[in-house]
Amino acid sequence: MSEQEFSGAFFIEDVEKLMGCMLQEVFIAAFSLKFGEMPEDIQQRIADAHPLQLREWIPSIVVAAKADDVFVTALERAFMPIVANASERQGGPCLREMGSLREMAEALGKASKPDAF
């Protein structure tokens, strides 16, 4: 690797780190304005997140009803109405108020288990 390539690689790495720090700061500021103090588990999640993941989560803060909704992906949001409709058509539990596919899966799992005697 030439000296120019070597210094260019460090420059790109430095820019990526700077962008990551800036996105973390934007996320923390926006989250705190909307939801108040950030829980420790979310702080850790933000510290560990890749900058591209932070970039996806930041707009979610605006539309999220609760803090956990920030981390619901666009794909999950697209599938949630489909899963809720399917459950209701089959006589399953109402899933419309669920915040994520994980919550839906848990509700469906509880509904399908027979009551213990």
N, C-alpha and C. Protein backbone atom coordinates (compact mmCIF):
# COMPACT_ATOMS: atom_id res chain seq x y z
N MET A 1 0.85 -1.17 0.00
CA MET A 1 0.00 0.00 0.00
C MET A 1 0.90 1.24 0.00
N SER A 2 0.62 2.15 -0.91
CA SER A 2 1.42 3.37 -0.98
C SER A 2 1.09 4.29 0.18
N GLU A 3 1.94 5.29 0.40
CA GLU A 3 1.70 6.25 1.48
C GLU A 3 0.39 6.99 1.27
N GLN A 4 0.08 7.33 0.01
CA GLN A 4 -1.17 8.05 -0.28
C GLN A 4 -2.38 7.16 0.01
N GLU A 5 -2.30 5.89 -0.40
CA GLU A 5 -3.40 4.96 -0.12
C GLU A 5 -3.56 4.77 1.39
N PHE A 6 -2.41 4.68 2.08
CA PHE A 6 -2.41 4.49 3.53
C PHE A 6 -3.09 5.66 4.23
N SER A 7 -2.73 6.90 3.87
CA SER A 7 -3.33 8.07 4.51
C SER A 7 -4.79 8.23 4.09
N GLY A 8 -5.13 7.85 2.85
CA GLY A 8 -6.51 7.92 2.39
C GLY A 8 -7.40 6.96 3.16
N ALA A 9 -6.87 5.77 3.47
CA ALA A 9 -7.63 4.78 4.23
C ALA A 9 -7.93 5.30 5.62
N PHE A 10 -6.93 5.95 6.25
CA PHE A 10 -7.17 6.52 7.58
C PHE A 10 -8.18 7.65 7.51
N PHE A 11 -8.12 8.45 6.47
CA PHE A 11 -9.06 9.56 6.32
C PHE A 11 -10.49 9.04 6.23
N ILE A 12 -10.70 8.02 5.42
CA ILE A 12 -12.04 7.44 5.28
C ILE A 12 -12.50 6.86 6.61
N GLU A 13 -11.63 6.16 7.29
CA GLU A 13 -11.97 5.58 8.59
C GLU A 13 -12.33 6.68 9.59
N ASP A 14 -11.57 7.77 9.58
CA ASP A 14 -11.85 8.89 10.48
C ASP A 14 -13.19 9.54 10.18
N VAL A 15 -13.50 9.69 8.89
CA VAL A 15 -14.78 10.27 8.50
C VAL A 15 -15.93 9.36 8.94
N GLU A 16 -15.77 8.05 8.77
CA GLU A 16 -16.81 7.10 9.20
C GLU A 16 -17.03 7.18 10.71
N LYS A 17 -15.95 7.29 11.47
CA LYS A 17 -16.07 7.41 12.93
C LYS A 17 -16.78 8.71 13.30
N LEU A 18 -16.40 9.78 12.64
CA LEU A 18 -17.03 11.08 12.90
C LEU A 18 -18.52 11.03 12.57
N MET A 19 -18.86 10.44 11.45
CA MET A 19 -20.28 10.32 11.06
C MET A 19 -21.04 9.48 12.10
N GLY A 20 -20.43 8.41 12.56
CA GLY A 20 -21.06 7.58 13.57
C GLY A 20 -21.32 8.36 14.85
N CYS A 21 -20.33 9.13 15.29
CA CYS A 21 -20.50 9.96 16.50
C CYS A 21 -21.59 11.01 16.32
N MET A 22 -21.61 11.62 15.14
CA MET A 22 -22.62 12.64 14.87
C MET A 22 -24.03 12.03 14.86
N LEU A 23 -24.17 10.86 14.23
CA LEU A 23 -25.47 10.19 14.19
C LEU A 23 -25.91 9.76 15.59
N GLN A 24 -24.96 9.32 16.41
CA GLN A 24 -25.30 8.97 17.80
C GLN A 24 -25.83 10.20 18.54
N GLU A 25 -25.16 11.34 18.36
CA GLU A 25 -25.59 12.57 19.03
C GLU A 25 -26.97 13.01 18.56
N VAL A 26 -27.22 12.92 17.26
CA VAL A 26 -28.54 13.28 16.73
C VAL A 26 -29.61 12.35 17.29
N PHE A 27 -29.32 11.04 17.30
CA PHE A 27 -30.27 10.08 17.82
C PHE A 27 -30.59 10.38 19.29
N ILE A 28 -29.56 10.56 20.09
CA ILE A 28 -29.75 10.81 21.53
C ILE A 28 -30.55 12.08 21.75
N ALA A 29 -30.25 13.14 21.02
CA ALA A 29 -30.98 14.40 21.19
C ALA A 29 -32.44 14.25 20.80
N ALA A 30 -32.71 13.64 19.65
CA ALA A 30 -34.09 13.47 19.18
C ALA A 30 -34.87 12.54 20.11
N PHE A 31 -34.24 11.44 20.51
CA PHE A 31 -34.90 10.47 21.39
C PHE A 31 -35.24 11.13 22.73
N SER A 32 -34.30 11.87 23.28
CA SER A 32 -34.50 12.52 24.58
C SER A 32 -35.60 13.57 24.52
N LEU A 33 -35.68 14.30 23.42
CA LEU A 33 -36.75 15.29 23.26
C LEU A 33 -38.12 14.62 23.22
N LYS A 34 -38.20 13.47 22.57
CA LYS A 34 -39.49 12.79 22.42
C LYS A 34 -39.88 11.96 23.64
N PHE A 35 -38.92 11.22 24.20
CA PHE A 35 -39.25 10.24 25.24
C PHE A 35 -38.65 10.54 26.61
N GLY A 36 -37.86 11.58 26.74
CA GLY A 36 -37.21 11.88 28.02
C GLY A 36 -35.91 11.12 28.15
N GLU A 37 -35.56 10.84 29.38
CA GLU A 37 -34.28 10.18 29.66
C GLU A 37 -34.19 8.82 28.98
N MET A 38 -33.04 8.56 28.39
CA MET A 38 -32.83 7.32 27.66
C MET A 38 -32.41 6.20 28.60
N PRO A 39 -33.14 5.07 28.59
CA PRO A 39 -32.76 3.92 29.43
C PRO A 39 -31.37 3.40 29.07
N GLU A 40 -30.74 2.77 30.04
CA GLU A 40 -29.38 2.28 29.86
C GLU A 40 -29.26 1.26 28.74
N ASP A 41 -30.26 0.36 28.59
CA ASP A 41 -30.19 -0.64 27.53
C ASP A 41 -30.23 0.00 26.14
N ILE A 42 -30.99 1.08 26.00
CA ILE A 42 -31.04 1.77 24.71
C ILE A 42 -29.74 2.54 24.48
N GLN A 43 -29.17 3.12 25.53
CA GLN A 43 -27.87 3.79 25.40
C GLN A 43 -26.82 2.82 24.86
N GLN A 44 -26.82 1.60 25.40
CA GLN A 44 -25.86 0.60 24.95
C GLN A 44 -26.12 0.19 23.51
N ARG A 45 -27.39 0.05 23.17
CA ARG A 45 -27.77 -0.32 21.81
C ARG A 45 -27.28 0.73 20.81
N ILE A 46 -27.40 2.00 21.18
CA ILE A 46 -26.96 3.09 20.31
C ILE A 46 -25.44 3.10 20.22
N ALA A 47 -24.77 2.89 21.32
CA ALA A 47 -23.30 2.86 21.32
C ALA A 47 -22.76 1.74 20.43
N ASP A 48 -23.47 0.61 20.38
CA ASP A 48 -23.03 -0.55 19.61
C ASP A 48 -23.49 -0.52 18.15
N ALA A 49 -24.41 0.37 17.81
CA ALA A 49 -25.03 0.36 16.48
C ALA A 49 -24.08 0.89 15.40
N HIS A 50 -24.22 0.32 14.24
CA HIS A 50 -23.50 0.79 13.05
C HIS A 50 -24.15 2.10 12.59
N PRO A 51 -23.37 3.03 12.04
CA PRO A 51 -23.94 4.30 11.59
C PRO A 51 -25.13 4.16 10.63
N LEU A 52 -25.11 3.15 9.76
CA LEU A 52 -26.25 2.95 8.85
C LEU A 52 -27.52 2.56 9.61
N GLN A 53 -27.35 1.80 10.69
CA GLN A 53 -28.50 1.43 11.51
C GLN A 53 -29.05 2.66 12.21
N LEU A 54 -28.18 3.50 12.74
CA LEU A 54 -28.61 4.75 13.37
C LEU A 54 -29.37 5.62 12.38
N ARG A 55 -28.87 5.67 11.17
CA ARG A 55 -29.51 6.47 10.12
C ARG A 55 -30.93 5.98 9.85
N GLU A 56 -31.15 4.68 9.94
CA GLU A 56 -32.49 4.12 9.75
C GLU A 56 -33.39 4.41 10.95
N TRP A 57 -32.83 4.38 12.15
CA TRP A 57 -33.64 4.56 13.36
C TRP A 57 -34.06 6.01 13.60
N ILE A 58 -33.23 6.97 13.23
CA ILE A 58 -33.51 8.38 13.56
C ILE A 58 -34.88 8.83 13.07
N PRO A 59 -35.26 8.61 11.80
CA PRO A 59 -36.61 9.04 11.38
C PRO A 59 -37.73 8.32 12.13
N SER A 60 -37.45 7.12 12.62
CA SER A 60 -38.47 6.36 13.36
C SER A 60 -38.85 7.03 14.67
N ILE A 61 -37.96 7.84 15.22
CA ILE A 61 -38.25 8.54 16.47
C ILE A 61 -39.48 9.43 16.29
N VAL A 62 -39.60 10.04 15.13
CA VAL A 62 -40.69 10.97 14.87
C VAL A 62 -42.05 10.27 14.92
N VAL A 63 -42.15 9.07 14.37
CA VAL A 63 -43.44 8.38 14.27
C VAL A 63 -43.69 7.38 15.39
N ALA A 64 -42.70 7.10 16.20
CA ALA A 64 -42.83 6.09 17.25
C ALA A 64 -43.77 6.56 18.36
N ALA A 65 -44.67 5.67 18.77
CA ALA A 65 -45.58 5.97 19.87
C ALA A 65 -44.90 5.71 21.21
N LYS A 66 -44.00 4.74 21.24
CA LYS A 66 -43.24 4.45 22.45
C LYS A 66 -41.81 4.15 22.07
N ALA A 67 -40.93 4.18 23.05
CA ALA A 67 -39.50 4.07 22.79
C ALA A 67 -39.12 2.81 22.00
N ASP A 68 -39.72 1.69 22.31
CA ASP A 68 -39.38 0.44 21.61
C ASP A 68 -39.76 0.48 20.13
N ASP A 69 -40.75 1.29 19.78
CA ASP A 69 -41.18 1.38 18.38
C ASP A 69 -40.11 1.97 17.48
N VAL A 70 -39.16 2.68 18.06
CA VAL A 70 -38.07 3.29 17.27
C VAL A 70 -37.28 2.21 16.53
N PHE A 71 -37.17 1.05 17.12
CA PHE A 71 -36.32 -0.01 16.59
C PHE A 71 -37.06 -0.99 15.68
N VAL A 72 -38.32 -0.72 15.40
CA VAL A 72 -39.08 -1.55 14.48
C VAL A 72 -38.65 -1.17 13.06
N THR A 73 -38.28 -2.15 12.27
CA THR A 73 -37.80 -1.87 10.92
C THR A 73 -38.95 -1.55 9.98
N ALA A 74 -38.61 -0.95 8.86
CA ALA A 74 -39.61 -0.64 7.84
C ALA A 74 -40.28 -1.92 7.34
N LEU A 75 -39.53 -3.00 7.25
CA LEU A 75 -40.09 -4.28 6.81
C LEU A 75 -41.12 -4.79 7.81
N GLU A 76 -40.79 -4.69 9.10
CA GLU A 76 -41.75 -5.10 10.13
C GLU A 76 -43.03 -4.27 10.03
N ARG A 77 -42.87 -2.94 9.88
CA ARG A 77 -44.04 -2.07 9.77
C ARG A 77 -44.92 -2.47 8.59
N ALA A 78 -44.29 -2.90 7.51
CA ALA A 78 -45.04 -3.31 6.32
C ALA A 78 -45.80 -4.62 6.56
N PHE A 79 -45.20 -5.55 7.29
CA PHE A 79 -45.82 -6.85 7.51
C PHE A 79 -46.84 -6.87 8.65
N MET A 80 -46.73 -5.96 9.60
CA MET A 80 -47.60 -6.01 10.78
C MET A 80 -49.09 -5.97 10.42
N PRO A 81 -49.56 -5.11 9.52
CA PRO A 81 -50.99 -5.14 9.19
C PRO A 81 -51.41 -6.46 8.53
N ILE A 82 -50.51 -7.05 7.75
CA ILE A 82 -50.82 -8.32 7.10
C ILE A 82 -51.00 -9.42 8.14
N VAL A 83 -50.08 -9.47 9.10
CA VAL A 83 -50.16 -10.48 10.17
C VAL A 83 -51.41 -10.25 11.02
N ALA A 84 -51.71 -9.00 11.34
CA ALA A 84 -52.89 -8.69 12.14
C ALA A 84 -54.16 -9.11 11.42
N ASN A 85 -54.27 -8.82 10.13
CA ASN A 85 -55.45 -9.23 9.36
C ASN A 85 -55.60 -10.74 9.32
N ALA A 86 -54.50 -11.43 9.08
CA ALA A 86 -54.54 -12.90 9.01
C ALA A 86 -54.99 -13.49 10.34
N SER A 87 -54.48 -12.95 11.43
CA SER A 87 -54.86 -13.45 12.76
C SER A 87 -56.35 -13.24 13.01
N GLU A 88 -56.84 -12.06 12.68
CA GLU A 88 -58.26 -11.76 12.93
C GLU A 88 -59.17 -12.62 12.04
N ARG A 89 -58.78 -12.84 10.80
CA ARG A 89 -59.60 -13.67 9.90
C ARG A 89 -59.67 -15.11 10.37
N GLN A 90 -58.63 -15.57 11.05
CA GLN A 90 -58.61 -16.95 11.53
C GLN A 90 -59.11 -17.06 12.97
N GLY A 91 -59.69 -15.99 13.49
CA GLY A 91 -60.23 -16.03 14.84
C GLY A 91 -59.18 -15.91 15.94
N GLY A 92 -58.01 -15.45 15.59
CA GLY A 92 -56.93 -15.30 16.56
C GLY A 92 -57.06 -14.01 17.34
N PRO A 93 -56.07 -13.72 18.16
CA PRO A 93 -56.11 -12.50 18.97
C PRO A 93 -55.98 -11.24 18.11
N CYS A 94 -56.50 -10.14 18.63
CA CYS A 94 -56.36 -8.85 17.96
C CYS A 94 -54.92 -8.37 18.13
N LEU A 95 -54.27 -8.14 17.02
CA LEU A 95 -52.85 -7.77 17.05
C LEU A 95 -52.62 -6.34 16.58
N ARG A 96 -53.65 -5.60 16.34
CA ARG A 96 -53.52 -4.26 15.74
C ARG A 96 -52.73 -3.29 16.61
N GLU A 97 -52.75 -3.46 17.91
CA GLU A 97 -52.07 -2.52 18.81
C GLU A 97 -50.64 -2.94 19.13
N MET A 98 -50.20 -4.06 18.56
CA MET A 98 -48.85 -4.55 18.83
C MET A 98 -47.83 -3.64 18.15
N GLY A 99 -46.67 -3.49 18.78
CA GLY A 99 -45.65 -2.59 18.27
C GLY A 99 -44.60 -3.23 17.39
N SER A 100 -44.53 -4.56 17.39
CA SER A 100 -43.51 -5.22 16.58
C SER A 100 -43.95 -6.64 16.24
N LEU A 101 -43.28 -7.22 15.27
CA LEU A 101 -43.57 -8.61 14.92
C LEU A 101 -43.25 -9.54 16.09
N ARG A 102 -42.26 -9.19 16.88
CA ARG A 102 -41.91 -10.00 18.05
C ARG A 102 -43.08 -10.05 19.04
N GLU A 103 -43.69 -8.88 19.30
CA GLU A 103 -44.85 -8.84 20.19
C GLU A 103 -45.99 -9.66 19.60
N MET A 104 -46.18 -9.57 18.30
CA MET A 104 -47.24 -10.35 17.64
C MET A 104 -46.98 -11.84 17.80
N ALA A 105 -45.75 -12.26 17.58
CA ALA A 105 -45.40 -13.67 17.70
C ALA A 105 -45.62 -14.18 19.12
N GLU A 106 -45.27 -13.35 20.10
CA GLU A 106 -45.49 -13.74 21.49
C GLU A 106 -46.98 -13.88 21.79
N ALA A 107 -47.78 -12.95 21.30
CA ALA A 107 -49.23 -13.01 21.52
C ALA A 107 -49.83 -14.23 20.84
N LEU A 108 -49.38 -14.52 19.63
CA LEU A 108 -49.88 -15.69 18.93
C LEU A 108 -49.45 -16.98 19.63
N GLY A 109 -48.23 -16.99 20.15
CA GLY A 109 -47.74 -18.17 20.88
C GLY A 109 -48.56 -18.42 22.14
N LYS A 110 -48.89 -17.36 22.87
CA LYS A 110 -49.71 -17.50 24.08
C LYS A 110 -51.13 -17.95 23.73
N ALA A 111 -51.66 -17.46 22.63
CA ALA A 111 -53.03 -17.81 22.23
C ALA A 111 -53.12 -19.25 21.77
N SER A 112 -52.02 -19.81 21.26
CA SER A 112 -52.08 -21.17 20.74
C SER A 112 -51.78 -22.23 21.80
N LYS A 113 -51.32 -21.83 22.98
CA LYS A 113 -51.02 -22.78 24.04
C LYS A 113 -52.30 -23.09 24.83
N PRO A 114 -52.57 -24.37 25.06
CA PRO A 114 -53.74 -24.71 25.86
C PRO A 114 -53.55 -24.29 27.32
N ASP A 115 -54.62 -23.94 27.98
CA ASP A 115 -54.55 -23.56 29.38
C ASP A 115 -54.10 -24.75 30.22
N ALA A 116 -53.28 -24.46 31.20
CA ALA A 116 -52.81 -25.52 32.11
C ALA A 116 -53.89 -25.80 33.13
N PHE A 117 -53.98 -27.05 33.55
CA PHE A 117 -54.97 -27.44 34.55
C PHE A 117 -54.46 -27.24 35.93
